[in-house]
Amino acid sequence: MQDLRAALERLRIEAEECELISKLATNQAKKDLFAKLAAHHRTLAGEVERAMKSGPKG
């Protein structure tokens, strides 16, 4: 479970970093790319969070 918590925290940090880069980028293509990466990391974090709440299967 500790591994999942660490993964969740890392995904959240990466999402925040990508969002910041997106806001600071001057190139529209880079803004769009990093905004998309931020959204993807948030989706992954949500999946990890759901896995943690559901607990072990079996």
PDB file of N, CA and C in Angstrom:
ATOM      1  N   MET A   1       0.827  -1.195   0.000  1.00  0.00           N
ATOM      2  CA  MET A   1       0.000   0.000   0.000  1.00  0.00           C
ATOM      3  C   MET A   1       0.868   1.253   0.000  1.00  0.00           C
ATOM      4  N   GLN A   2       2.025   1.166   0.617  1.00  0.00           N
ATOM      5  CA  GLN A   2       2.940   2.315   0.657  1.00  0.00           C
ATOM      6  C   GLN A   2       3.397   2.685  -0.754  1.00  0.00           C
ATOM      7  N   ASP A   3       3.610   1.662  -1.588  1.00  0.00           N
ATOM      8  CA  ASP A   3       4.013   1.918  -2.976  1.00  0.00           C
ATOM      9  C   ASP A   3       2.939   2.690  -3.721  1.00  0.00           C
ATOM     10  N   LEU A   4       1.681   2.337  -3.487  1.00  0.00           N
ATOM     11  CA  LEU A   4       0.581   3.042  -4.142  1.00  0.00           C
ATOM     12  C   LEU A   4       0.488   4.489  -3.666  1.00  0.00           C
ATOM     13  N   ARG A   5       0.702   4.712  -2.384  1.00  0.00           N
ATOM     14  CA  ARG A   5       0.678   6.087  -1.865  1.00  0.00           C
ATOM     15  C   ARG A   5       1.782   6.924  -2.491  1.00  0.00           C
ATOM     16  N   ALA A   6       2.954   6.346  -2.623  1.00  0.00           N
ATOM     17  CA  ALA A   6       4.078   7.057  -3.237  1.00  0.00           C
ATOM     18  C   ALA A   6       3.787   7.335  -4.710  1.00  0.00           C
ATOM     19  N   ALA A   7       3.215   6.367  -5.403  1.00  0.00           N
ATOM     20  CA  ALA A   7       2.868   6.561  -6.808  1.00  0.00           C
ATOM     21  C   ALA A   7       1.806   7.642  -6.963  1.00  0.00           C
ATOM     22  N   LEU A   8       0.829   7.631  -6.080  1.00  0.00           N
ATOM     23  CA  LEU A   8      -0.229   8.636  -6.114  1.00  0.00           C
ATOM     24  C   LEU A   8       0.339  10.038  -5.906  1.00  0.00           C
ATOM     25  N   GLU A   9       1.188  10.172  -4.920  1.00  0.00           N
ATOM     26  CA  GLU A   9       1.798  11.479  -4.648  1.00  0.00           C
ATOM     27  C   GLU A   9       2.645  11.950  -5.826  1.00  0.00           C
ATOM     28  N   ARG A  10       3.404  11.047  -6.402  1.00  0.00           N
ATOM     29  CA  ARG A  10       4.251  11.410  -7.549  1.00  0.00           C
ATOM     30  C   ARG A  10       3.406  11.841  -8.753  1.00  0.00           C
ATOM     31  N   LEU A  11       2.316  11.133  -9.015  1.00  0.00           N
ATOM     32  CA  LEU A  11       1.435  11.503 -10.123  1.00  0.00           C
ATOM     33  C   LEU A  11       0.816  12.886  -9.903  1.00  0.00           C
ATOM     34  N   ARG A  12       0.430  13.163  -8.673  1.00  0.00           N
ATOM     35  CA  ARG A  12      -0.147  14.481  -8.375  1.00  0.00           C
ATOM     36  C   ARG A  12       0.886  15.588  -8.574  1.00  0.00           C
ATOM     37  N   ILE A  13       2.105  15.340  -8.135  1.00  0.00           N
ATOM     38  CA  ILE A  13       3.178  16.331  -8.313  1.00  0.00           C
ATOM     39  C   ILE A  13       3.454  16.549  -9.792  1.00  0.00           C
ATOM     40  N   GLU A  14       3.535  15.462 -10.549  1.00  0.00           N
ATOM     41  CA  GLU A  14       3.793  15.580 -11.983  1.00  0.00           C
ATOM     42  C   GLU A  14       2.666  16.332 -12.687  1.00  0.00           C
ATOM     43  N   ALA A  15       1.430  16.110 -12.270  1.00  0.00           N
ATOM     44  CA  ALA A  15       0.300  16.833 -12.856  1.00  0.00           C
ATOM     45  C   ALA A  15       0.436  18.334 -12.596  1.00  0.00           C
ATOM     46  N   GLU A  16       0.805  18.695 -11.373  1.00  0.00           N
ATOM     47  CA  GLU A  16       0.989  20.110 -11.041  1.00  0.00           C
ATOM     48  C   GLU A  16       2.134  20.722 -11.839  1.00  0.00           C
ATOM     49  N   GLU A  17       3.222  19.981 -11.980  1.00  0.00           N
ATOM     50  CA  GLU A  17       4.366  20.486 -12.742  1.00  0.00           C
ATOM     51  C   GLU A  17       4.008  20.673 -14.215  1.00  0.00           C
ATOM     52  N   CYS A  18       3.291  19.724 -14.782  1.00  0.00           N
ATOM     53  CA  CYS A  18       2.883  19.847 -16.178  1.00  0.00           C
ATOM     54  C   CYS A  18       1.942  21.034 -16.365  1.00  0.00           C
ATOM     55  N   GLU A  19       1.045  21.238 -15.426  1.00  0.00           N
ATOM     56  CA  GLU A  19       0.133  22.376 -15.512  1.00  0.00           C
ATOM     57  C   GLU A  19       0.901  23.693 -15.457  1.00  0.00           C
ATOM     58  N   LEU A  20       1.875  23.776 -14.578  1.00  0.00           N
ATOM     59  CA  LEU A  20       2.694  24.986 -14.478  1.00  0.00           C
ATOM     60  C   LEU A  20       3.458  25.234 -15.776  1.00  0.00           C
ATOM     61  N   ILE A  21       4.066  24.189 -16.316  1.00  0.00           N
ATOM     62  CA  ILE A  21       4.797  24.332 -17.579  1.00  0.00           C
ATOM     63  C   ILE A  21       3.844  24.790 -18.676  1.00  0.00           C
ATOM     64  N   SER A  22       2.648  24.233 -18.695  1.00  0.00           N
ATOM     65  CA  SER A  22       1.661  24.620 -19.691  1.00  0.00           C
ATOM     66  C   SER A  22       1.335  26.106 -19.599  1.00  0.00           C
ATOM     67  N   LYS A  23       1.184  26.592 -18.382  1.00  0.00           N
ATOM     68  CA  LYS A  23       0.848  28.004 -18.184  1.00  0.00           C
ATOM     69  C   LYS A  23       2.000  28.927 -18.559  1.00  0.00           C
ATOM     70  N   LEU A  24       3.224  28.456 -18.380  1.00  0.00           N
ATOM     71  CA  LEU A  24       4.393  29.288 -18.647  1.00  0.00           C
ATOM     72  C   LEU A  24       4.899  29.205 -20.084  1.00  0.00           C
ATOM     73  N   ALA A  25       4.504  28.182 -20.798  1.00  0.00           N
ATOM     74  CA  ALA A  25       4.995  27.983 -22.170  1.00  0.00           C
ATOM     75  C   ALA A  25       4.522  29.118 -23.072  1.00  0.00           C
ATOM     76  N   THR A  26       5.389  29.522 -23.983  1.00  0.00           N
ATOM     77  CA  THR A  26       5.037  30.573 -24.930  1.00  0.00           C
ATOM     78  C   THR A  26       4.566  29.991 -26.256  1.00  0.00           C
ATOM     79  N   ASN A  27       4.909  28.761 -26.516  1.00  0.00           N
ATOM     80  CA  ASN A  27       4.523  28.068 -27.741  1.00  0.00           C
ATOM     81  C   ASN A  27       3.180  27.369 -27.499  1.00  0.00           C
ATOM     82  N   GLN A  28       2.185  27.624 -28.352  1.00  0.00           N
ATOM     83  CA  GLN A  28       0.851  27.051 -28.153  1.00  0.00           C
ATOM     84  C   GLN A  28       0.859  25.529 -28.187  1.00  0.00           C
ATOM     85  N   ALA A  29       1.676  24.945 -29.027  1.00  0.00           N
ATOM     86  CA  ALA A  29       1.746  23.480 -29.098  1.00  0.00           C
ATOM     87  C   ALA A  29       2.245  22.899 -27.778  1.00  0.00           C
ATOM     88  N   LYS A  30       3.219  23.566 -27.168  1.00  0.00           N
ATOM     89  CA  LYS A  30       3.736  23.098 -25.876  1.00  0.00           C
ATOM     90  C   LYS A  30       2.705  23.313 -24.774  1.00  0.00           C
ATOM     91  N   LYS A  31       1.990  24.436 -24.813  1.00  0.00           N
ATOM     92  CA  LYS A  31       0.915  24.678 -23.839  1.00  0.00           C
ATOM     93  C   LYS A  31      -0.090  23.534 -23.887  1.00  0.00           C
ATOM     94  N   ASP A  32      -0.515  23.198 -25.109  1.00  0.00           N
ATOM     95  CA  ASP A  32      -1.504  22.138 -25.285  1.00  0.00           C
ATOM     96  C   ASP A  32      -0.973  20.787 -24.835  1.00  0.00           C
ATOM     97  N   LEU A  33       0.258  20.481 -25.197  1.00  0.00           N
ATOM     98  CA  LEU A  33       0.860  19.201 -24.831  1.00  0.00           C
ATOM     99  C   LEU A  33       0.937  19.039 -23.316  1.00  0.00           C
ATOM    100  N   PHE A  34       1.443  20.047 -22.627  1.00  0.00           N
ATOM    101  CA  PHE A  34       1.600  19.923 -21.183  1.00  0.00           C
ATOM    102  C   PHE A  34       0.263  19.965 -20.447  1.00  0.00           C
ATOM    103  N   ALA A  35      -0.721  20.661 -20.999  1.00  0.00           N
ATOM    104  CA  ALA A  35      -2.065  20.621 -20.414  1.00  0.00           C
ATOM    105  C   ALA A  35      -2.640  19.211 -20.540  1.00  0.00           C
ATOM    106  N   LYS A  36      -2.402  18.596 -21.687  1.00  0.00           N
ATOM    107  CA  LYS A  36      -2.873  17.228 -21.904  1.00  0.00           C
ATOM    108  C   LYS A  36      -2.152  16.256 -20.967  1.00  0.00           C
ATOM    109  N   LEU A  37      -0.856  16.439 -20.795  1.00  0.00           N
ATOM    110  CA  LEU A  37      -0.096  15.586 -19.871  1.00  0.00           C
ATOM    111  C   LEU A  37      -0.591  15.754 -18.434  1.00  0.00           C
ATOM    112  N   ALA A  38      -0.897  16.977 -18.047  1.00  0.00           N
ATOM    113  CA  ALA A  38      -1.419  17.227 -16.698  1.00  0.00           C
ATOM    114  C   ALA A  38      -2.736  16.481 -16.492  1.00  0.00           C
ATOM    115  N   ALA A  39      -3.622  16.567 -17.474  1.00  0.00           N
ATOM    116  CA  ALA A  39      -4.904  15.866 -17.380  1.00  0.00           C
ATOM    117  C   ALA A  39      -4.692  14.354 -17.308  1.00  0.00           C
ATOM    118  N   HIS A  40      -3.748  13.852 -18.083  1.00  0.00           N
ATOM    119  CA  HIS A  40      -3.468  12.416 -18.084  1.00  0.00           C
ATOM    120  C   HIS A  40      -2.940  11.965 -16.716  1.00  0.00           C
ATOM    121  N   HIS A  41      -2.040  12.734 -16.141  1.00  0.00           N
ATOM    122  CA  HIS A  41      -1.512  12.383 -14.821  1.00  0.00           C
ATOM    123  C   HIS A  41      -2.619  12.422 -13.765  1.00  0.00           C
ATOM    124  N   ARG A  42      -3.536  13.356 -13.883  1.00  0.00           N
ATOM    125  CA  ARG A  42      -4.659  13.401 -12.934  1.00  0.00           C
ATOM    126  C   ARG A  42      -5.561  12.184 -13.090  1.00  0.00           C
ATOM    127  N   THR A  43      -5.767  11.755 -14.327  1.00  0.00           N
ATOM    128  CA  THR A  43      -6.558  10.552 -14.573  1.00  0.00           C
ATOM    129  C   THR A  43      -5.877   9.333 -13.951  1.00  0.00           C
ATOM    130  N   LEU A  44      -4.582   9.222 -14.158  1.00  0.00           N
ATOM    131  CA  LEU A  44      -3.833   8.107 -13.566  1.00  0.00           C
ATOM    132  C   LEU A  44      -3.891   8.150 -12.038  1.00  0.00           C
ATOM    133  N   ALA A  45      -3.773   9.337 -11.471  1.00  0.00           N
ATOM    134  CA  ALA A  45      -3.859   9.476 -10.020  1.00  0.00           C
ATOM    135  C   ALA A  45      -5.230   9.022  -9.523  1.00  0.00           C
ATOM    136  N   GLY A  46      -6.267   9.354 -10.257  1.00  0.00           N
ATOM    137  CA  GLY A  46      -7.616   8.900  -9.895  1.00  0.00           C
ATOM    138  C   GLY A  46      -7.730   7.390  -9.917  1.00  0.00           C
ATOM    139  N   GLU A  47      -7.106   6.772 -10.908  1.00  0.00           N
ATOM    140  CA  GLU A  47      -7.119   5.311 -10.995  1.00  0.00           C
ATOM    141  C   GLU A  47      -6.391   4.678  -9.811  1.00  0.00           C
ATOM    142  N   VAL A  48      -5.252   5.232  -9.449  1.00  0.00           N
ATOM    143  CA  VAL A  48      -4.497   4.712  -8.300  1.00  0.00           C
ATOM    144  C   VAL A  48      -5.314   4.887  -7.026  1.00  0.00           C
ATOM    145  N   GLU A  49      -5.954   6.033  -6.896  1.00  0.00           N
ATOM    146  CA  GLU A  49      -6.773   6.296  -5.709  1.00  0.00           C
ATOM    147  C   GLU A  49      -7.930   5.295  -5.605  1.00  0.00           C
ATOM    148  N   ARG A  50      -8.580   5.011  -6.725  1.00  0.00           N
ATOM    149  CA  ARG A  50      -9.658   4.028  -6.726  1.00  0.00           C
ATOM    150  C   ARG A  50      -9.134   2.637  -6.363  1.00  0.00           C
ATOM    151  N   ALA A  51      -7.964   2.292  -6.858  1.00  0.00           N
ATOM    152  CA  ALA A  51      -7.365   0.997  -6.539  1.00  0.00           C
ATOM    153  C   ALA A  51      -7.072   0.890  -5.043  1.00  0.00           C
ATOM    154  N   MET A  52      -6.624   1.996  -4.472  1.00  0.00           N
ATOM    155  CA  MET A  52      -6.317   1.987  -3.036  1.00  0.00           C
ATOM    156  C   MET A  52      -7.601   1.824  -2.217  1.00  0.00           C
ATOM    157  N   LYS A  53      -8.669   2.460  -2.642  1.00  0.00           N
ATOM    158  CA  LYS A  53      -9.939   2.386  -1.902  1.00  0.00           C
ATOM    159  C   LYS A  53     -10.583   1.012  -2.017  1.00  0.00           C
ATOM    160  N   SER A  54     -10.411   0.371  -3.171  1.00  0.00           N
ATOM    161  CA  SER A  54     -11.046  -0.936  -3.368  1.00  0.00           C
ATOM    162  C   SER A  54     -10.318  -2.032  -2.619  1.00  0.00           C
ATOM    163  N   GLY A  55      -9.048  -1.789  -2.285  1.00  0.00           N
ATOM    164  CA  GLY A  55      -8.280  -2.759  -1.522  1.00  0.00           C
ATOM    165  C   GLY A  55      -7.876  -3.954  -2.346  1.00  0.00           C
ATOM    166  N   PRO A  56      -7.245  -4.922  -1.698  1.00  0.00           N
ATOM    167  CA  PRO A  56      -6.768  -6.105  -2.413  1.00  0.00           C
ATOM    168  C   PRO A  56      -7.934  -6.941  -2.929  1.00  0.00           C
ATOM    169  N   LYS A  57      -7.760  -7.479  -4.103  1.00  0.00           N
ATOM    170  CA  LYS A  57      -8.785  -8.355  -4.704  1.00  0.00           C
ATOM    171  C   LYS A  57      -8.395  -9.802  -4.445  1.00  0.00           C
ATOM    172  N   GLY A  58      -9.428 -10.607  -4.259  1.00  0.00           N
ATOM    173  CA  GLY A  58      -9.171 -12.041  -4.134  1.00  0.00           C
ATOM    174  C   GLY A  58      -9.410 -12.527  -2.819  1.00  0.00           C
TER     175      GLY A  58
END
